[in-house]
C-alpha atoms as a PDB file:
ATOM      1  CA  UNK A   1       3.923 -21.674 -13.994  1.00  0.00           C
ATOM      2  CA  UNK A   2       1.583 -18.712 -13.409  1.00  0.00           C
ATOM      3  CA  UNK A   3       2.131 -16.555 -10.368  1.00  0.00           C
ATOM      4  CA  UNK A   4      -0.828 -16.454  -7.990  1.00  0.00           C
ATOM      5  CA  UNK A   5      -1.596 -13.483  -5.762  1.00  0.00           C
ATOM      6  CA  UNK A   6      -3.977 -13.994  -2.860  1.00  0.00           C
ATOM      7  CA  UNK A   7      -5.327 -10.516  -2.294  1.00  0.00           C
ATOM      8  CA  UNK A   8      -8.265  -8.164  -2.100  1.00  0.00           C
ATOM      9  CA  UNK A   9      -8.351  -5.083  -4.361  1.00  0.00           C
ATOM     10  CA  UNK A  10      -9.503  -2.724  -1.576  1.00  0.00           C
ATOM     11  CA  UNK A  11      -6.581  -3.546   0.737  1.00  0.00           C
ATOM     12  CA  UNK A  12      -3.791  -0.957   0.784  1.00  0.00           C
ATOM     13  CA  UNK A  13      -1.063  -3.579   1.126  1.00  0.00           C
ATOM     14  CA  UNK A  14      -2.550  -5.587  -1.713  1.00  0.00           C
ATOM     15  CA  UNK A  15      -2.628  -2.447  -3.844  1.00  0.00           C
ATOM     16  CA  UNK A  16       1.056  -2.000  -3.036  1.00  0.00           C
ATOM     17  CA  UNK A  17       1.875  -5.392  -4.547  1.00  0.00           C
ATOM     18  CA  UNK A  18      -0.592  -4.935  -7.409  1.00  0.00           C
ATOM     19  CA  UNK A  19       1.014  -1.622  -8.364  1.00  0.00           C
ATOM     20  CA  UNK A  20       4.386  -3.367  -8.685  1.00  0.00           C
ATOM     21  CA  UNK A  21       2.885  -6.129 -10.817  1.00  0.00           C
ATOM     22  CA  UNK A  22       1.116  -3.630 -13.072  1.00  0.00           C
ATOM     23  CA  UNK A  23       4.183  -1.401 -13.311  1.00  0.00           C
ATOM     24  CA  UNK A  24       6.061  -4.242 -14.993  1.00  0.00           C
ATOM     25  CA  UNK A  25       3.157  -5.920 -16.761  1.00  0.00           C
ATOM     26  CA  UNK A  26       3.907  -9.133 -14.862  1.00  0.00           C
ATOM     27  CA  UNK A  27       1.356 -11.889 -15.633  1.00  0.00           C
ATOM     28  CA  UNK A  28      -0.375 -13.352 -12.574  1.00  0.00           C
ATOM     29  CA  UNK A  29      -3.620 -14.916 -11.422  1.00  0.00           C
ATOM     30  CA  UNK A  30      -5.563 -13.006  -8.789  1.00  0.00           C
ATOM     31  CA  UNK A  31      -6.999 -15.295  -6.143  1.00  0.00           C
ATOM     32  CA  UNK A  32      -9.653 -12.965  -4.785  1.00  0.00           C
ATOM     33  CA  UNK A  33     -10.046 -13.298  -1.037  1.00  0.00           C
ATOM     34  CA  UNK A  34     -13.759 -13.366  -0.283  1.00  0.00           C
ATOM     35  CA  UNK A  35     -15.579 -14.909   2.661  1.00  0.00           C
ATOM     36  CA  UNK A  36     -18.264 -16.258   0.348  1.00  0.00           C
ATOM     37  CA  UNK A  37     -15.586 -18.355  -1.387  1.00  0.00           C
ATOM     38  CA  UNK A  38     -14.573 -20.928   1.243  1.00  0.00           C
ATOM     39  CA  UNK A  39     -12.208 -22.717  -1.129  1.00  0.00           C
ATOM     40  CA  UNK A  40      -9.952 -19.739  -1.731  1.00  0.00           C
ATOM     41  CA  UNK A  41     -10.062 -18.791   1.954  1.00  0.00           C
ATOM     42  CA  UNK A  42      -9.008 -22.323   2.918  1.00  0.00           C
ATOM     43  CA  UNK A  43      -6.153 -22.210   0.391  1.00  0.00           C
ATOM     44  CA  UNK A  44      -5.035 -18.881   1.832  1.00  0.00           C
ATOM     45  CA  UNK A  45      -5.127 -20.089   5.446  1.00  0.00           C
ATOM     46  CA  UNK A  46      -3.165 -23.205   4.551  1.00  0.00           C
ATOM     47  CA  UNK A  47      -0.500 -21.153   2.795  1.00  0.00           C
ATOM     48  CA  UNK A  48      -0.160 -18.529   5.522  1.00  0.00           C
ATOM     49  CA  UNK A  49      -1.768 -19.242   8.920  1.00  0.00           C
ATOM     50  CA  UNK A  50      -1.058 -15.661  10.010  1.00  0.00           C
ATOM     51  CA  UNK A  51      -3.800 -14.721   7.502  1.00  0.00           C
ATOM     52  CA  UNK A  52      -2.359 -11.378   6.457  1.00  0.00           C
ATOM     53  CA  UNK A  53      -2.418 -10.458   2.798  1.00  0.00           C
ATOM     54  CA  UNK A  54      -1.185 -10.241   0.114  1.00  0.00           C
ATOM     55  CA  UNK A  55       0.472 -13.623  -0.391  1.00  0.00           C
ATOM     56  CA  UNK A  56       2.293 -14.550  -3.589  1.00  0.00           C
ATOM     57  CA  UNK A  57       2.637 -18.160  -4.735  1.00  0.00           C
ATOM     58  CA  UNK A  58       5.299 -19.035  -7.273  1.00  0.00           C
ATOM     59  CA  UNK A  59       5.222 -22.777  -7.873  1.00  0.00           C
ATOM     60  CA  UNK A  60       6.154 -24.382  -4.558  1.00  0.00           C
ATOM     61  CA  UNK A  61       7.313 -21.097  -3.017  1.00  0.00           C
ATOM     62  CA  UNK A  62       5.090 -18.884  -0.857  1.00  0.00           C
ATOM     63  CA  UNK A  63       6.107 -15.257  -0.393  1.00  0.00           C
ATOM     64  CA  UNK A  64       4.515 -12.997   2.232  1.00  0.00           C
ATOM     65  CA  UNK A  65       4.605  -9.253   3.017  1.00  0.00           C
ATOM     66  CA  UNK A  66       4.123  -6.693   0.240  1.00  0.00           C
ATOM     67  CA  UNK A  67       7.650  -5.247   0.335  1.00  0.00           C
ATOM     68  CA  UNK A  68       9.225  -8.701   0.201  1.00  0.00           C
ATOM     69  CA  UNK A  69       6.887  -9.718  -2.620  1.00  0.00           C
ATOM     70  CA  UNK A  70       8.045  -6.719  -4.654  1.00  0.00           C
ATOM     71  CA  UNK A  71      11.722  -7.501  -4.021  1.00  0.00           C
ATOM     72  CA  UNK A  72      11.063 -11.153  -4.869  1.00  0.00           C
ATOM     73  CA  UNK A  73       9.471 -10.189  -8.181  1.00  0.00           C
ATOM     74  CA  UNK A  74      12.505  -8.083  -9.020  1.00  0.00           C
ATOM     75  CA  UNK A  75      14.813 -11.026  -8.402  1.00  0.00           C
ATOM     76  CA  UNK A  76      12.826 -13.890  -9.931  1.00  0.00           C
ATOM     77  CA  UNK A  77      10.444 -12.210 -12.385  1.00  0.00           C
ATOM     78  CA  UNK A  78      12.139  -8.952 -13.378  1.00  0.00           C
ATOM     79  CA  UNK A  79      10.462  -6.583 -15.774  1.00  0.00           C
ATOM     80  CA  UNK A  80      11.528  -3.387 -17.527  1.00  0.00           C
ATOM     81  CA  UNK A  81      11.145  -1.286 -14.360  1.00  0.00           C
ATOM     82  CA  UNK A  82      13.649  -2.027 -11.588  1.00  0.00           C
ATOM     83  CA  UNK A  83      11.690  -1.056  -8.483  1.00  0.00           C
ATOM     84  CA  UNK A  84      14.726  -1.534  -6.273  1.00  0.00           C
ATOM     85  CA  UNK A  85      17.989  -0.029  -7.576  1.00  0.00           C
ATOM     86  CA  UNK A  86      21.006  -2.269  -8.117  1.00  0.00           C
ATOM     87  CA  UNK A  87      23.173   0.329  -6.393  1.00  0.00           C
ATOM     88  CA  UNK A  88      23.202  -0.555  -2.682  1.00  0.00           C
ATOM     89  CA  UNK A  89      23.172   3.050  -1.456  1.00  0.00           C
ATOM     90  CA  UNK A  90      20.275   4.003  -3.701  1.00  0.00           C
ATOM     91  CA  UNK A  91      18.445   0.839  -2.636  1.00  0.00           C
ATOM     92  CA  UNK A  92      18.915   1.804   1.016  1.00  0.00           C
ATOM     93  CA  UNK A  93      17.122   5.101   0.408  1.00  0.00           C
ATOM     94  CA  UNK A  94      14.250   3.267  -1.286  1.00  0.00           C
ATOM     95  CA  UNK A  95      13.954   0.838   1.627  1.00  0.00           C
ATOM     96  CA  UNK A  96      14.136   3.697   4.121  1.00  0.00           C
ATOM     97  CA  UNK A  97      11.264   5.534   2.451  1.00  0.00           C
ATOM     98  CA  UNK A  98       9.330   2.275   2.154  1.00  0.00           C
ATOM     99  CA  UNK A  99       9.580   1.790   5.916  1.00  0.00           C
ATOM    100  CA  UNK A 100       8.535   5.406   6.494  1.00  0.00           C
ATOM    101  CA  UNK A 101       5.299   4.928   4.564  1.00  0.00           C
ATOM    102  CA  UNK A 102       4.597   1.592   6.263  1.00  0.00           C
ATOM    103  CA  UNK A 103       5.317   2.731   9.820  1.00  0.00           C
ATOM    104  CA  UNK A 104       4.316   6.388   9.924  1.00  0.00           C
ATOM    105  CA  UNK A 105       1.561   6.707   7.314  1.00  0.00           C
ATOM    106  CA  UNK A 106      -0.112   3.289   7.025  1.00  0.00           C
ATOM    107  CA  UNK A 107       0.142   2.181  10.666  1.00  0.00           C
ATOM    108  CA  UNK A 108      -1.493   5.257  12.262  1.00  0.00           C
ATOM    109  CA  UNK A 109      -4.059   5.425   9.457  1.00  0.00           C
ATOM    110  CA  UNK A 110      -5.110   1.843  10.067  1.00  0.00           C
ATOM    111  CA  UNK A 111      -5.185   2.401  13.827  1.00  0.00           C
ATOM    112  CA  UNK A 112      -7.844   5.085  13.326  1.00  0.00           C
ATOM    113  CA  UNK A 113      -9.894   2.900  10.984  1.00  0.00           C
ATOM    114  CA  UNK A 114      -9.718  -0.193  13.193  1.00  0.00           C
ATOM    115  CA  UNK A 115     -10.738   1.808  16.248  1.00  0.00           C
ATOM    116  CA  UNK A 116     -13.852   3.008  14.417  1.00  0.00           C
ATOM    117  CA  UNK A 117     -14.860  -0.627  13.877  1.00  0.00           C
ATOM    118  CA  UNK A 118     -14.878  -1.429  17.591  1.00  0.00           C
ATOM    119  CA  UNK A 119     -17.909  -1.283  19.838  1.00  0.00           C
ATOM    120  CA  UNK A 120     -18.135   2.102  21.566  1.00  0.00           C
ATOM    121  CA  UNK A 121     -16.971   0.842  25.007  1.00  0.00           C
ATOM    122  CA  UNK A 122     -13.858  -0.690  23.434  1.00  0.00           C
ATOM    123  CA  UNK A 123     -12.687   2.409  21.600  1.00  0.00           C
ATOM    124  CA  UNK A 124      -9.484   4.201  22.542  1.00  0.00           C
ATOM    125  CA  UNK A 125      -9.773   7.958  21.929  1.00  0.00           C
ATOM    126  CA  UNK A 126      -6.272   8.623  23.216  1.00  0.00           C
ATOM    127  CA  UNK A 127      -4.717   6.149  20.764  1.00  0.00           C
ATOM    128  CA  UNK A 128      -6.710   7.699  17.920  1.00  0.00           C
ATOM    129  CA  UNK A 129      -5.560  11.197  18.909  1.00  0.00           C
ATOM    130  CA  UNK A 130      -1.956   9.975  18.984  1.00  0.00           C
ATOM    131  CA  UNK A 131      -2.389   8.386  15.549  1.00  0.00           C
ATOM    132  CA  UNK A 132      -3.737  11.632  14.119  1.00  0.00           C
ATOM    133  CA  UNK A 133      -0.834  13.534  15.658  1.00  0.00           C
ATOM    134  CA  UNK A 134       1.594  11.032  14.099  1.00  0.00           C
ATOM    135  CA  UNK A 135       0.015  11.513  10.686  1.00  0.00           C
ATOM    136  CA  UNK A 136       0.321  15.288  10.931  1.00  0.00           C
ATOM    137  CA  UNK A 137       3.959  14.952  11.953  1.00  0.00           C
ATOM    138  CA  UNK A 138       4.638  12.473   9.133  1.00  0.00           C
ATOM    139  CA  UNK A 139       2.909  14.723   6.579  1.00  0.00           C
ATOM    140  CA  UNK A 140       5.070  17.629   7.704  1.00  0.00           C
ATOM    141  CA  UNK A 141       8.298  15.652   7.415  1.00  0.00           C
ATOM    142  CA  UNK A 142       7.319  14.246   4.034  1.00  0.00           C
ATOM    143  CA  UNK A 143       6.417  17.691   2.730  1.00  0.00           C
ATOM    144  CA  UNK A 144      10.005  18.849   3.254  1.00  0.00           C
ATOM    145  CA  UNK A 145      11.403  15.718   1.601  1.00  0.00           C
ATOM    146  CA  UNK A 146       9.133  15.909  -1.425  1.00  0.00           C
ATOM    147  CA  UNK A 147       9.930  19.572  -2.017  1.00  0.00           C
ATOM    148  CA  UNK A 148      12.971  18.383  -3.958  1.00  0.00           C
ATOM    149  CA  UNK A 149      11.809  15.039  -5.345  1.00  0.00           C
ATOM    150  CA  UNK A 150       9.421  13.753  -7.967  1.00  0.00           C
ATOM    151  CA  UNK A 151       9.169  10.274  -6.440  1.00  0.00           C
ATOM    152  CA  UNK A 152       9.734   8.960  -2.930  1.00  0.00           C
ATOM    153  CA  UNK A 153      13.444   8.203  -3.292  1.00  0.00           C
ATOM    154  CA  UNK A 154      14.362  10.599  -6.102  1.00  0.00           C
ATOM    155  CA  UNK A 155      13.713  10.766  -9.830  1.00  0.00           C
ATOM    156  CA  UNK A 156      12.665   7.141 -10.396  1.00  0.00           C
ATOM    157  CA  UNK A 157       9.423   5.358  -9.443  1.00  0.00           C
ATOM    158  CA  UNK A 158      10.336   2.606  -6.972  1.00  0.00           C
ATOM    159  CA  UNK A 159       9.156   0.104  -4.399  1.00  0.00           C
ATOM    160  CA  UNK A 160       8.633   3.001  -1.977  1.00  0.00           C
ATOM    161  CA  UNK A 161       6.143   4.633  -4.333  1.00  0.00           C
ATOM    162  CA  UNK A 162       4.211   1.368  -4.659  1.00  0.00           C
ATOM    163  CA  UNK A 163       3.416   1.691  -0.947  1.00  0.00           C
ATOM    164  CA  UNK A 164       3.123   5.466  -0.870  1.00  0.00           C
ATOM    165  CA  UNK A 165       0.255   5.369  -3.371  1.00  0.00           C
ATOM    166  CA  UNK A 166      -2.299   3.393  -1.366  1.00  0.00           C
ATOM    167  CA  UNK A 167      -1.067   4.573   2.028  1.00  0.00           C
ATOM    168  CA  UNK A 168      -1.375   8.286   1.217  1.00  0.00           C
ATOM    169  CA  UNK A 169      -4.622   7.571  -0.646  1.00  0.00           C
ATOM    170  CA  UNK A 170      -6.332   6.114   2.414  1.00  0.00           C
ATOM    171  CA  UNK A 171      -4.544   8.381   4.895  1.00  0.00           C
ATOM    172  CA  UNK A 172      -6.064  11.452   3.242  1.00  0.00           C
ATOM    173  CA  UNK A 173      -9.488   9.815   3.464  1.00  0.00           C
ATOM    174  CA  UNK A 174      -8.915   9.108   7.153  1.00  0.00           C
ATOM    175  CA  UNK A 175      -7.100  12.264   8.296  1.00  0.00           C
ATOM    176  CA  UNK A 176      -7.021  14.982   5.656  1.00  0.00           C
ATOM    177  CA  UNK A 177      -3.629  16.221   4.523  1.00  0.00           C
ATOM    178  CA  UNK A 178      -3.371  19.890   5.480  1.00  0.00           C
ATOM    179  CA  UNK A 179      -3.432  22.119   2.371  1.00  0.00           C
ATOM    180  CA  UNK A 180      -0.251  23.723   3.690  1.00  0.00           C
ATOM    181  CA  UNK A 181       1.559  20.482   2.816  1.00  0.00           C
ATOM    182  CA  UNK A 182       1.431  21.276  -0.878  1.00  0.00           C
ATOM    183  CA  UNK A 183       4.332  18.984  -1.807  1.00  0.00           C
ATOM    184  CA  UNK A 184       2.632  15.976  -0.215  1.00  0.00           C
ATOM    185  CA  UNK A 185      -0.631  16.749  -2.018  1.00  0.00           C
ATOM    186  CA  UNK A 186       1.178  17.196  -5.333  1.00  0.00           C
ATOM    187  CA  UNK A 187       2.975  13.885  -4.806  1.00  0.00           C
ATOM    188  CA  UNK A 188      -0.305  12.127  -3.993  1.00  0.00           C
ATOM    189  CA  UNK A 189      -1.735  13.571  -7.211  1.00  0.00           C
ATOM    190  CA  UNK A 190       1.229  12.241  -9.222  1.00  0.00           C
ATOM    191  CA  UNK A 191       0.747   8.812  -7.689  1.00  0.00           C
ATOM    192  CA  UNK A 192      -2.938   8.792  -8.640  1.00  0.00           C
ATOM    193  CA  UNK A 193      -1.960   9.662 -12.204  1.00  0.00           C
ATOM    194  CA  UNK A 194       0.548   6.808 -12.431  1.00  0.00           C
ATOM    195  CA  UNK A 195      -1.107   4.160 -14.667  1.00  0.00           C
ATOM    196  CA  UNK A 196      -0.079   1.231 -12.455  1.00  0.00           C
ATOM    197  CA  UNK A 197      -1.550   2.710  -9.281  1.00  0.00           C
ATOM    198  CA  UNK A 198      -4.512   4.255 -11.108  1.00  0.00           C
ATOM    199  CA  UNK A 199      -5.440   0.755 -12.258  1.00  0.00           C
ATOM    200  CA  UNK A 200      -5.337  -0.547  -8.673  1.00  0.00           C
ATOM    201  CA  UNK A 201      -7.529   2.356  -7.531  1.00  0.00           C
ATOM    202  CA  UNK A 202     -10.053   1.746 -10.313  1.00  0.00           C
ATOM    203  CA  UNK A 203     -10.284  -1.961  -9.542  1.00  0.00           C
ATOM    204  CA  UNK A 204     -11.092  -1.121  -5.918  1.00  0.00           C
ATOM    205  CA  UNK A 205     -13.904   1.333  -6.707  1.00  0.00           C
ATOM    206  CA  UNK A 206     -16.735  -1.217  -6.336  1.00  0.00           C
ATOM    207  CA  UNK A 207     -15.643  -1.841  -2.735  1.00  0.00           C
ATOM    208  CA  UNK A 208     -15.674   1.790  -1.543  1.00  0.00           C
ATOM    209  CA  UNK A 209     -18.904   1.368   0.458  1.00  0.00           C
ATOM    210  CA  UNK A 210     -16.899  -0.976   2.720  1.00  0.00           C
ATOM    211  CA  UNK A 211     -14.655   1.826   4.011  1.00  0.00           C
ATOM    212  CA  UNK A 212     -15.548   2.033   7.736  1.00  0.00           C
ATOM    213  CA  UNK A 213     -15.265   5.833   7.960  1.00  0.00           C
ATOM    214  CA  UNK A 214     -17.236   6.405   4.778  1.00  0.00           C
ATOM    215  CA  UNK A 215     -15.451   6.930   1.474  1.00  0.00           C
ATOM    216  CA  UNK A 216     -15.374  10.549   0.331  1.00  0.00           C
ATOM    217  CA  UNK A 217     -16.808  11.419  -3.070  1.00  0.00           C
ATOM    218  CA  UNK A 218     -13.427  12.107  -4.673  1.00  0.00           C
ATOM    219  CA  UNK A 219     -10.310  10.422  -6.034  1.00  0.00           C
END
């Protein structure tokens, strides 16, 4: 039975799951989430009332959250690339870096974007300033880590890189990475050159006008 992924190509968390699927050439059907398609939106809401995407459907099983989807694929639909190492200690480092990108790159980045979508009286300048400060701190920490690594957890592309790609992509659009953080910028460039993530980026290009802060003319 064909895997179904309920997702939108412009979403960073959907790109995280899509990168994993493309990395292994895993066949799946994209169920494009679009408000002008009430049928697919009703299917999505019935599967996951929380209404956060992506959502993977494998027969009678529904899998939520991008990181869990990637681990699930490795267990039930493995491909040539093991995105989570079999070695427990190596896997712990991958999961640790995955949480770093989720919590300290994606979360503050999205806080800035969501605030920009609010009506002026509802905006929270202090929270936005704190989010920008967090991003600068996270960039600085990551720059030291990536000084000695090709990929997030070492020499092998992993689950952590699947998230790092879209999160650093949009973070640099939202709060530019300081040129002094040369290792972070070089890592972001390697991610953009990775065929699996490059495909996800290309598929999202038609939706760039939707970026609330205005998509820069690059990448």
